[in-house]
N, C-alpha and C. Protein backbone atom coordinates (compact mmCIF):
# COMPACT_ATOMS: atom_id res chain seq x y z
N UNK A 1 41.12 -18.26 33.14
CA UNK A 1 40.92 -16.83 33.08
C UNK A 1 40.58 -16.37 31.66
N UNK A 2 41.25 -17.01 30.66
CA UNK A 2 40.98 -16.63 29.28
C UNK A 2 39.56 -17.01 28.87
N UNK A 3 39.07 -18.13 29.38
CA UNK A 3 37.71 -18.56 29.04
C UNK A 3 36.69 -17.54 29.53
N UNK A 4 36.98 -16.95 30.67
CA UNK A 4 36.07 -15.95 31.22
C UNK A 4 36.00 -14.73 30.29
N UNK A 5 37.16 -14.29 29.80
CA UNK A 5 37.19 -13.14 28.89
C UNK A 5 36.51 -13.45 27.56
N UNK A 6 36.71 -14.66 27.06
CA UNK A 6 36.08 -15.06 25.81
C UNK A 6 34.55 -15.09 25.97
N UNK A 7 34.08 -15.61 27.09
CA UNK A 7 32.64 -15.65 27.34
C UNK A 7 32.07 -14.24 27.46
N UNK A 8 32.77 -13.36 28.16
CA UNK A 8 32.32 -11.97 28.29
C UNK A 8 32.32 -11.28 26.92
N UNK A 9 33.36 -11.52 26.14
CA UNK A 9 33.44 -10.95 24.79
C UNK A 9 32.29 -11.44 23.91
N UNK A 10 31.95 -12.71 24.01
CA UNK A 10 30.83 -13.25 23.22
C UNK A 10 29.51 -12.62 23.63
N UNK A 11 29.29 -12.46 24.92
CA UNK A 11 28.05 -11.85 25.40
C UNK A 11 27.97 -10.40 24.91
N UNK A 12 29.08 -9.68 24.99
CA UNK A 12 29.11 -8.30 24.51
C UNK A 12 28.82 -8.24 23.01
N UNK A 13 29.40 -9.16 22.25
CA UNK A 13 29.17 -9.18 20.79
C UNK A 13 27.71 -9.50 20.47
N UNK A 14 27.10 -10.41 21.23
CA UNK A 14 25.70 -10.75 20.99
C UNK A 14 24.81 -9.55 21.28
N UNK A 15 25.04 -8.88 22.40
CA UNK A 15 24.22 -7.72 22.76
C UNK A 15 24.41 -6.59 21.74
N UNK A 16 25.66 -6.33 21.38
CA UNK A 16 25.92 -5.28 20.39
C UNK A 16 25.30 -5.63 19.04
N UNK A 17 25.39 -6.90 18.66
CA UNK A 17 24.79 -7.35 17.40
C UNK A 17 23.28 -7.20 17.41
N UNK A 18 22.66 -7.49 18.55
CA UNK A 18 21.21 -7.33 18.66
C UNK A 18 20.80 -5.88 18.45
N UNK A 19 21.45 -4.97 19.16
CA UNK A 19 21.09 -3.55 19.03
C UNK A 19 21.49 -2.98 17.67
N UNK A 20 22.60 -3.42 17.13
CA UNK A 20 22.99 -2.96 15.79
C UNK A 20 22.00 -3.45 14.74
N UNK A 21 21.49 -4.66 14.93
CA UNK A 21 20.48 -5.18 14.01
C UNK A 21 19.19 -4.41 14.07
N UNK A 22 18.80 -3.97 15.25
CA UNK A 22 17.58 -3.18 15.40
C UNK A 22 17.72 -1.81 14.73
N UNK A 23 18.92 -1.24 14.73
CA UNK A 23 19.15 0.09 14.15
C UNK A 23 19.25 0.05 12.63
N UNK A 24 19.49 -1.12 12.05
CA UNK A 24 19.70 -1.19 10.60
C UNK A 24 18.42 -1.47 9.84
N UNK A 25 17.29 -1.48 10.50
CA UNK A 25 16.02 -1.72 9.82
C UNK A 25 15.41 -0.38 9.42
N UNK A 26 15.07 -0.24 8.15
CA UNK A 26 14.39 0.96 7.69
C UNK A 26 12.98 0.56 7.23
N UNK A 27 12.07 1.49 7.31
CA UNK A 27 10.68 1.25 6.93
C UNK A 27 10.37 2.02 5.66
N UNK A 28 9.65 1.38 4.76
CA UNK A 28 9.26 2.02 3.52
C UNK A 28 7.74 1.96 3.40
N UNK A 29 7.14 3.07 3.00
CA UNK A 29 5.70 3.16 2.83
C UNK A 29 5.39 3.35 1.35
N UNK A 30 4.49 2.52 0.85
CA UNK A 30 4.10 2.60 -0.55
C UNK A 30 2.60 2.86 -0.61
N UNK A 31 2.19 3.89 -1.35
CA UNK A 31 0.78 4.25 -1.46
C UNK A 31 0.35 4.06 -2.91
N UNK A 32 -0.74 3.28 -3.09
CA UNK A 32 -1.29 3.06 -4.42
C UNK A 32 -2.77 3.40 -4.39
N UNK A 33 -3.27 3.91 -5.50
CA UNK A 33 -4.70 4.18 -5.64
C UNK A 33 -5.26 3.11 -6.58
N UNK A 34 -6.23 2.34 -6.07
CA UNK A 34 -6.79 1.22 -6.79
C UNK A 34 -8.25 1.50 -7.11
N UNK A 35 -8.64 1.27 -8.36
CA UNK A 35 -10.03 1.48 -8.74
C UNK A 35 -10.89 0.34 -8.23
N UNK A 36 -12.04 0.71 -7.68
CA UNK A 36 -12.99 -0.28 -7.20
C UNK A 36 -13.95 -0.69 -8.31
N UNK A 37 -14.92 -1.49 -7.94
CA UNK A 37 -15.91 -1.96 -8.90
C UNK A 37 -16.93 -0.84 -9.17
N UNK A 38 -17.29 -0.67 -10.43
CA UNK A 38 -18.19 0.41 -10.82
C UNK A 38 -19.62 0.11 -10.35
N UNK A 39 -20.31 1.17 -9.93
CA UNK A 39 -21.72 1.10 -9.53
C UNK A 39 -22.51 1.93 -10.53
N UNK A 40 -23.49 1.29 -11.20
CA UNK A 40 -24.28 1.98 -12.22
C UNK A 40 -25.76 1.71 -11.96
N UNK A 41 -26.59 2.72 -12.27
CA UNK A 41 -28.03 2.55 -12.13
C UNK A 41 -28.73 3.60 -12.99
N UNK A 42 -29.98 3.30 -13.37
CA UNK A 42 -30.81 4.21 -14.15
C UNK A 42 -32.20 4.24 -13.54
N UNK A 43 -32.72 5.44 -13.37
CA UNK A 43 -34.07 5.63 -12.87
C UNK A 43 -34.91 6.19 -14.02
N UNK A 44 -36.00 5.45 -14.41
CA UNK A 44 -36.88 5.90 -15.49
C UNK A 44 -38.11 6.55 -14.88
N UNK A 45 -38.55 7.63 -15.48
CA UNK A 45 -39.75 8.37 -15.10
C UNK A 45 -39.78 8.67 -13.60
N UNK A 46 -38.80 9.39 -13.10
CA UNK A 46 -38.83 9.71 -11.67
C UNK A 46 -40.00 10.63 -11.34
N UNK A 47 -40.55 10.43 -10.16
CA UNK A 47 -41.70 11.21 -9.71
C UNK A 47 -41.19 12.48 -9.04
N UNK A 48 -41.77 13.65 -9.37
CA UNK A 48 -41.31 14.88 -8.72
C UNK A 48 -41.64 14.88 -7.23
N UNK A 49 -40.77 15.43 -6.45
CA UNK A 49 -40.99 15.54 -5.01
C UNK A 49 -41.85 16.75 -4.70
N UNK A 50 -41.66 17.81 -5.47
CA UNK A 50 -42.40 19.05 -5.23
C UNK A 50 -42.73 19.69 -6.57
N UNK A 51 -43.98 20.11 -6.73
CA UNK A 51 -44.39 20.83 -7.93
C UNK A 51 -44.97 22.17 -7.50
N UNK A 52 -44.49 23.24 -8.10
CA UNK A 52 -44.95 24.59 -7.79
C UNK A 52 -45.61 25.15 -9.04
N UNK A 53 -46.87 25.59 -8.90
CA UNK A 53 -47.61 26.18 -10.01
C UNK A 53 -47.67 27.69 -9.82
N UNK A 54 -47.53 28.44 -10.90
CA UNK A 54 -47.60 29.90 -10.84
C UNK A 54 -49.03 30.35 -11.13
N UNK A 55 -49.36 31.43 -10.53
CA UNK A 55 -50.69 31.97 -10.76
C UNK A 55 -50.79 32.72 -12.09
N UNK A 56 -49.70 33.33 -12.48
CA UNK A 56 -49.72 34.17 -13.67
C UNK A 56 -48.99 33.44 -14.78
N UNK A 57 -49.52 33.48 -15.96
CA UNK A 57 -48.90 32.87 -17.12
C UNK A 57 -48.40 33.99 -18.02
N UNK A 58 -47.13 33.91 -18.36
CA UNK A 58 -46.54 34.90 -19.26
C UNK A 58 -46.38 34.25 -20.63
N UNK A 59 -46.87 34.90 -21.64
CA UNK A 59 -46.75 34.39 -23.00
C UNK A 59 -45.51 35.03 -23.62
N UNK A 60 -44.50 34.26 -23.80
CA UNK A 60 -43.27 34.77 -24.38
C UNK A 60 -43.28 34.54 -25.88
N UNK A 61 -43.62 33.34 -26.29
CA UNK A 61 -43.67 33.02 -27.71
C UNK A 61 -45.13 32.99 -28.15
N UNK A 62 -45.36 33.50 -29.32
CA UNK A 62 -46.73 33.50 -29.83
C UNK A 62 -46.95 32.37 -30.84
N UNK A 63 -45.87 31.70 -31.20
CA UNK A 63 -45.97 30.64 -32.19
C UNK A 63 -46.22 29.31 -31.49
N UNK A 64 -47.37 28.74 -31.69
CA UNK A 64 -47.75 27.49 -31.04
C UNK A 64 -46.93 26.31 -31.56
N UNK A 65 -46.58 26.32 -32.81
CA UNK A 65 -45.81 25.23 -33.40
C UNK A 65 -44.42 25.14 -32.77
N UNK A 66 -43.79 26.30 -32.60
CA UNK A 66 -42.46 26.30 -31.95
C UNK A 66 -42.56 25.79 -30.52
N UNK A 67 -43.59 26.16 -29.81
CA UNK A 67 -43.77 25.73 -28.43
C UNK A 67 -43.97 24.21 -28.38
N UNK A 68 -44.76 23.66 -29.28
CA UNK A 68 -44.98 22.21 -29.31
C UNK A 68 -43.71 21.46 -29.70
N UNK A 69 -42.96 21.99 -30.66
CA UNK A 69 -41.70 21.34 -31.05
C UNK A 69 -40.72 21.34 -29.87
N UNK A 70 -40.66 22.47 -29.18
CA UNK A 70 -39.77 22.56 -28.02
C UNK A 70 -40.23 21.60 -26.92
N UNK A 71 -41.51 21.49 -26.72
CA UNK A 71 -42.06 20.61 -25.69
C UNK A 71 -41.81 19.14 -26.03
N UNK A 72 -41.85 18.81 -27.31
CA UNK A 72 -41.65 17.43 -27.77
C UNK A 72 -40.18 17.03 -27.88
N UNK A 73 -39.29 17.99 -27.93
CA UNK A 73 -37.86 17.70 -28.13
C UNK A 73 -37.30 16.93 -26.94
N UNK A 74 -36.56 15.90 -27.27
CA UNK A 74 -35.89 15.10 -26.23
C UNK A 74 -34.47 15.61 -26.09
N UNK A 75 -34.11 16.02 -24.88
CA UNK A 75 -32.78 16.58 -24.62
C UNK A 75 -31.99 15.62 -23.72
N UNK A 76 -30.72 15.42 -24.08
CA UNK A 76 -29.84 14.54 -23.30
C UNK A 76 -28.72 15.39 -22.71
N UNK A 77 -28.50 15.20 -21.41
CA UNK A 77 -27.44 15.91 -20.71
C UNK A 77 -26.51 14.88 -20.08
N UNK A 78 -25.22 15.16 -20.15
CA UNK A 78 -24.23 14.27 -19.53
C UNK A 78 -23.12 15.14 -18.96
N UNK A 79 -22.70 14.79 -17.77
CA UNK A 79 -21.67 15.58 -17.10
C UNK A 79 -20.87 14.68 -16.17
N UNK A 80 -19.63 15.06 -15.98
CA UNK A 80 -18.79 14.36 -15.00
C UNK A 80 -18.71 15.26 -13.77
N UNK A 81 -19.28 14.79 -12.67
CA UNK A 81 -19.35 15.60 -11.47
C UNK A 81 -18.09 15.52 -10.63
N UNK A 82 -17.43 14.37 -10.63
CA UNK A 82 -16.30 14.16 -9.74
C UNK A 82 -15.24 13.35 -10.45
N UNK A 83 -14.01 13.81 -10.39
CA UNK A 83 -12.88 13.06 -10.95
C UNK A 83 -11.64 13.45 -10.17
N UNK A 84 -11.40 12.77 -9.07
CA UNK A 84 -10.22 13.03 -8.25
C UNK A 84 -9.78 11.73 -7.59
N UNK A 85 -9.02 11.82 -6.52
CA UNK A 85 -8.50 10.59 -5.91
C UNK A 85 -9.54 9.86 -5.06
N UNK A 86 -10.79 10.34 -5.04
CA UNK A 86 -11.86 9.62 -4.35
C UNK A 86 -12.67 8.77 -5.33
N UNK A 87 -12.66 9.13 -6.59
CA UNK A 87 -13.39 8.35 -7.57
C UNK A 87 -13.85 9.19 -8.74
N UNK A 88 -14.64 8.55 -9.61
CA UNK A 88 -15.18 9.19 -10.79
C UNK A 88 -16.70 9.04 -10.74
N UNK A 89 -17.42 10.15 -10.84
CA UNK A 89 -18.88 10.14 -10.81
C UNK A 89 -19.40 10.83 -12.06
N UNK A 90 -20.10 10.07 -12.91
CA UNK A 90 -20.71 10.58 -14.14
C UNK A 90 -22.22 10.47 -14.01
N UNK A 91 -22.94 11.40 -14.65
CA UNK A 91 -24.39 11.26 -14.71
C UNK A 91 -24.86 11.67 -16.09
N UNK A 92 -26.02 11.16 -16.47
CA UNK A 92 -26.67 11.57 -17.71
C UNK A 92 -28.17 11.63 -17.45
N UNK A 93 -28.82 12.61 -18.07
CA UNK A 93 -30.25 12.81 -17.87
C UNK A 93 -30.92 13.04 -19.22
N UNK A 94 -32.15 12.59 -19.31
CA UNK A 94 -32.96 12.79 -20.50
C UNK A 94 -34.21 13.55 -20.10
N UNK A 95 -34.47 14.66 -20.80
CA UNK A 95 -35.65 15.49 -20.50
C UNK A 95 -36.50 15.61 -21.75
N UNK A 96 -37.81 15.36 -21.58
CA UNK A 96 -38.77 15.50 -22.67
C UNK A 96 -40.13 15.79 -22.05
N UNK A 97 -40.96 16.53 -22.74
CA UNK A 97 -42.29 16.93 -22.28
C UNK A 97 -42.20 17.73 -20.97
N UNK A 98 -41.16 18.52 -20.84
CA UNK A 98 -40.90 19.33 -19.64
C UNK A 98 -40.78 18.48 -18.37
N UNK A 99 -40.37 17.25 -18.52
CA UNK A 99 -40.19 16.35 -17.37
C UNK A 99 -38.88 15.58 -17.54
N UNK A 100 -38.35 15.17 -16.40
CA UNK A 100 -37.17 14.31 -16.40
C UNK A 100 -37.62 12.90 -16.74
N UNK A 101 -37.12 12.36 -17.84
CA UNK A 101 -37.54 11.03 -18.29
C UNK A 101 -36.67 9.93 -17.70
N UNK A 102 -35.37 10.16 -17.62
CA UNK A 102 -34.47 9.16 -17.03
C UNK A 102 -33.23 9.85 -16.48
N UNK A 103 -32.70 9.25 -15.45
CA UNK A 103 -31.47 9.74 -14.81
C UNK A 103 -30.57 8.54 -14.58
N UNK A 104 -29.38 8.59 -15.13
CA UNK A 104 -28.41 7.50 -14.99
C UNK A 104 -27.15 8.03 -14.34
N UNK A 105 -26.51 7.18 -13.56
CA UNK A 105 -25.23 7.58 -12.95
C UNK A 105 -24.28 6.40 -12.96
N UNK A 106 -23.02 6.72 -12.86
CA UNK A 106 -21.96 5.72 -12.81
C UNK A 106 -20.91 6.21 -11.82
N UNK A 107 -20.64 5.39 -10.81
CA UNK A 107 -19.66 5.74 -9.78
C UNK A 107 -18.57 4.69 -9.78
N UNK A 108 -17.34 5.14 -9.97
CA UNK A 108 -16.18 4.25 -9.89
C UNK A 108 -15.33 4.75 -8.72
N UNK A 109 -15.42 4.08 -7.57
CA UNK A 109 -14.65 4.55 -6.41
C UNK A 109 -13.17 4.21 -6.55
N UNK A 110 -12.34 5.02 -5.94
CA UNK A 110 -10.90 4.77 -5.92
C UNK A 110 -10.49 4.65 -4.46
N UNK A 111 -9.84 3.52 -4.15
CA UNK A 111 -9.41 3.24 -2.79
C UNK A 111 -7.92 3.49 -2.66
N UNK A 112 -7.53 3.96 -1.50
CA UNK A 112 -6.12 4.20 -1.22
C UNK A 112 -5.58 3.01 -0.45
N UNK A 113 -4.55 2.38 -1.00
CA UNK A 113 -3.90 1.25 -0.34
C UNK A 113 -2.53 1.71 0.16
N UNK A 114 -2.31 1.57 1.44
CA UNK A 114 -1.03 1.93 2.04
C UNK A 114 -0.36 0.65 2.51
N UNK A 115 0.86 0.43 2.06
CA UNK A 115 1.62 -0.75 2.44
C UNK A 115 2.90 -0.29 3.12
N UNK A 116 3.12 -0.78 4.34
CA UNK A 116 4.37 -0.52 5.06
C UNK A 116 5.13 -1.82 5.19
N UNK A 117 6.40 -1.78 4.88
CA UNK A 117 7.21 -2.97 5.06
C UNK A 117 8.62 -2.58 5.48
N UNK A 118 9.29 -3.56 6.08
CA UNK A 118 10.64 -3.34 6.59
C UNK A 118 11.67 -3.71 5.53
N UNK A 119 12.70 -2.94 5.51
CA UNK A 119 13.86 -3.25 4.67
C UNK A 119 15.04 -3.38 5.62
N UNK A 120 15.56 -4.57 5.71
CA UNK A 120 16.70 -4.80 6.59
C UNK A 120 17.98 -4.63 5.77
N UNK A 121 18.70 -3.58 6.06
CA UNK A 121 19.89 -3.27 5.30
C UNK A 121 21.04 -4.19 5.71
N UNK A 122 21.33 -4.23 6.98
CA UNK A 122 22.37 -5.10 7.53
C UNK A 122 21.72 -6.02 8.55
N UNK A 123 22.08 -7.29 8.53
CA UNK A 123 21.55 -8.26 9.48
C UNK A 123 22.71 -8.89 10.23
N UNK A 124 23.04 -8.37 11.38
CA UNK A 124 24.12 -8.98 12.15
C UNK A 124 23.65 -10.28 12.81
N UNK A 125 24.59 -11.16 13.06
CA UNK A 125 24.27 -12.41 13.73
C UNK A 125 25.47 -12.85 14.57
N UNK A 126 25.20 -13.76 15.46
CA UNK A 126 26.25 -14.35 16.30
C UNK A 126 25.95 -15.82 16.42
N UNK A 127 26.97 -16.64 16.58
CA UNK A 127 26.75 -18.08 16.67
C UNK A 127 27.84 -18.78 17.46
N UNK A 128 27.49 -19.95 17.93
CA UNK A 128 28.42 -20.82 18.66
C UNK A 128 28.31 -22.20 18.03
N UNK A 129 29.46 -22.87 17.84
CA UNK A 129 29.41 -24.23 17.30
C UNK A 129 30.49 -25.08 17.97
N UNK A 130 30.21 -26.38 18.01
CA UNK A 130 31.15 -27.37 18.54
C UNK A 130 31.28 -28.46 17.50
N UNK A 131 32.45 -29.12 17.44
CA UNK A 131 32.62 -30.20 16.47
C UNK A 131 33.29 -31.40 17.13
N UNK A 132 33.46 -32.49 16.35
CA UNK A 132 34.01 -33.74 16.88
C UNK A 132 35.52 -33.69 17.07
N UNK A 133 36.17 -32.64 16.61
CA UNK A 133 37.61 -32.48 16.82
C UNK A 133 37.90 -31.80 18.15
N UNK A 134 36.86 -31.70 18.99
CA UNK A 134 36.97 -31.08 20.31
C UNK A 134 37.35 -29.60 20.20
N UNK A 135 36.65 -28.91 19.30
CA UNK A 135 36.87 -27.49 19.09
C UNK A 135 35.55 -26.75 19.28
N UNK A 136 35.65 -25.54 19.78
CA UNK A 136 34.49 -24.66 19.91
C UNK A 136 34.77 -23.40 19.08
N UNK A 137 33.74 -22.92 18.42
CA UNK A 137 33.88 -21.74 17.58
C UNK A 137 32.81 -20.74 17.97
N UNK A 138 33.23 -19.51 18.21
CA UNK A 138 32.32 -18.40 18.45
C UNK A 138 32.43 -17.48 17.24
N UNK A 139 31.30 -17.18 16.63
CA UNK A 139 31.36 -16.38 15.40
C UNK A 139 30.37 -15.22 15.47
N UNK A 140 30.77 -14.13 14.87
CA UNK A 140 29.91 -12.96 14.68
C UNK A 140 30.10 -12.50 13.24
N UNK A 141 29.03 -11.95 12.67
CA UNK A 141 29.10 -11.49 11.29
C UNK A 141 27.89 -10.67 10.94
N UNK A 142 27.82 -10.32 9.68
CA UNK A 142 26.69 -9.53 9.21
C UNK A 142 26.33 -9.94 7.79
N UNK A 143 25.03 -9.97 7.52
CA UNK A 143 24.51 -10.22 6.18
C UNK A 143 24.20 -8.88 5.52
N UNK A 144 24.56 -8.76 4.29
CA UNK A 144 24.16 -7.63 3.44
C UNK A 144 23.48 -8.26 2.25
N UNK A 145 22.14 -8.15 2.21
CA UNK A 145 21.30 -8.85 1.24
C UNK A 145 21.49 -10.34 1.42
N UNK A 146 22.21 -11.05 0.53
CA UNK A 146 22.35 -12.49 0.66
C UNK A 146 23.78 -12.94 0.97
N UNK A 147 24.68 -12.01 1.12
CA UNK A 147 26.08 -12.34 1.35
C UNK A 147 26.46 -11.95 2.78
N UNK A 148 27.21 -12.85 3.44
CA UNK A 148 27.62 -12.57 4.82
C UNK A 148 29.13 -12.75 4.96
N UNK A 149 29.69 -11.93 5.82
CA UNK A 149 31.08 -12.07 6.23
C UNK A 149 31.09 -12.29 7.73
N UNK A 150 31.96 -13.18 8.20
CA UNK A 150 31.96 -13.45 9.62
C UNK A 150 33.39 -13.53 10.16
N UNK A 151 33.49 -13.28 11.45
CA UNK A 151 34.74 -13.39 12.18
C UNK A 151 34.55 -14.50 13.21
N UNK A 152 35.52 -15.45 13.26
CA UNK A 152 35.40 -16.60 14.15
C UNK A 152 36.54 -16.63 15.15
N UNK A 153 36.19 -16.99 16.38
CA UNK A 153 37.20 -17.27 17.40
C UNK A 153 37.15 -18.76 17.64
N UNK A 154 38.25 -19.46 17.37
CA UNK A 154 38.29 -20.92 17.43
C UNK A 154 39.15 -21.33 18.62
N UNK A 155 38.61 -22.25 19.43
CA UNK A 155 39.34 -22.75 20.59
C UNK A 155 39.44 -24.26 20.49
N UNK A 156 40.68 -24.78 20.45
CA UNK A 156 40.93 -26.22 20.38
C UNK A 156 41.26 -26.70 21.79
N UNK A 157 40.42 -27.60 22.33
CA UNK A 157 40.59 -28.04 23.71
C UNK A 157 41.66 -29.12 23.86
N UNK A 158 41.94 -29.92 22.82
CA UNK A 158 42.97 -30.97 22.91
C UNK A 158 44.37 -30.38 22.85
N UNK A 159 44.59 -29.50 21.90
CA UNK A 159 45.93 -28.93 21.72
C UNK A 159 46.15 -27.68 22.55
N UNK A 160 45.11 -27.19 23.20
CA UNK A 160 45.19 -25.99 24.03
C UNK A 160 45.64 -24.78 23.21
N UNK A 161 45.02 -24.63 22.03
CA UNK A 161 45.34 -23.50 21.15
C UNK A 161 44.08 -22.74 20.82
N UNK A 162 44.27 -21.46 20.57
CA UNK A 162 43.19 -20.60 20.12
C UNK A 162 43.62 -19.89 18.84
N UNK A 163 42.62 -19.52 18.03
CA UNK A 163 42.94 -18.83 16.79
C UNK A 163 41.72 -18.09 16.27
N UNK A 164 41.95 -17.35 15.19
CA UNK A 164 40.90 -16.55 14.57
C UNK A 164 40.67 -17.05 13.16
N UNK A 165 39.46 -16.88 12.68
CA UNK A 165 39.13 -17.27 11.32
C UNK A 165 38.19 -16.26 10.69
N UNK A 166 38.22 -16.26 9.39
CA UNK A 166 37.32 -15.37 8.63
C UNK A 166 36.45 -16.27 7.76
N UNK A 167 35.16 -15.97 7.71
CA UNK A 167 34.26 -16.81 6.94
C UNK A 167 33.42 -15.99 5.97
N UNK A 168 32.88 -16.68 5.00
CA UNK A 168 32.03 -16.10 3.98
C UNK A 168 30.79 -17.01 3.85
N UNK A 169 29.60 -16.41 3.79
CA UNK A 169 28.37 -17.21 3.67
C UNK A 169 27.49 -16.59 2.60
N UNK A 170 26.68 -17.46 1.99
CA UNK A 170 25.70 -17.01 0.99
C UNK A 170 24.35 -17.61 1.36
N UNK A 171 23.33 -16.77 1.40
CA UNK A 171 21.97 -17.21 1.76
C UNK A 171 21.21 -17.54 0.50
N UNK A 172 20.67 -18.77 0.42
CA UNK A 172 19.89 -19.20 -0.75
C UNK A 172 18.46 -18.77 -0.65
């Protein structure tokens, strides 16, 4: 009759340990922003897509030398168009002779990496063992990180005795 109760107790401990182990798992999410490989390119002497000519010419400046100096001047423009969690986009342009001479850009994309992993706070376990001294041991316990404490029910079949034990384990 006692063996029946011990077996029922062990089954109950195993089931409870299983469900308790499932409840002790927590999930952690880690988000990192990682820079990707830079993409750079330069376009020299781009061709206009559309040119619009005016019928009327307005003379604003009367000095021809100033107009030629302005026409000959090489102007460089640089701006950062985008700088957020999607990436960094820079461009630079060179204008001379009233035309776009070169257009350069640099794109550094930023990728979002999401990592989910489990953190097991408590790890319950149950076990059964037999030895050459004709003894059976039923044990239940729990691991916390690398250290475990366990409770053992020991049954000696030769001497017809039962007892309890306490154990300590370390996980390498």
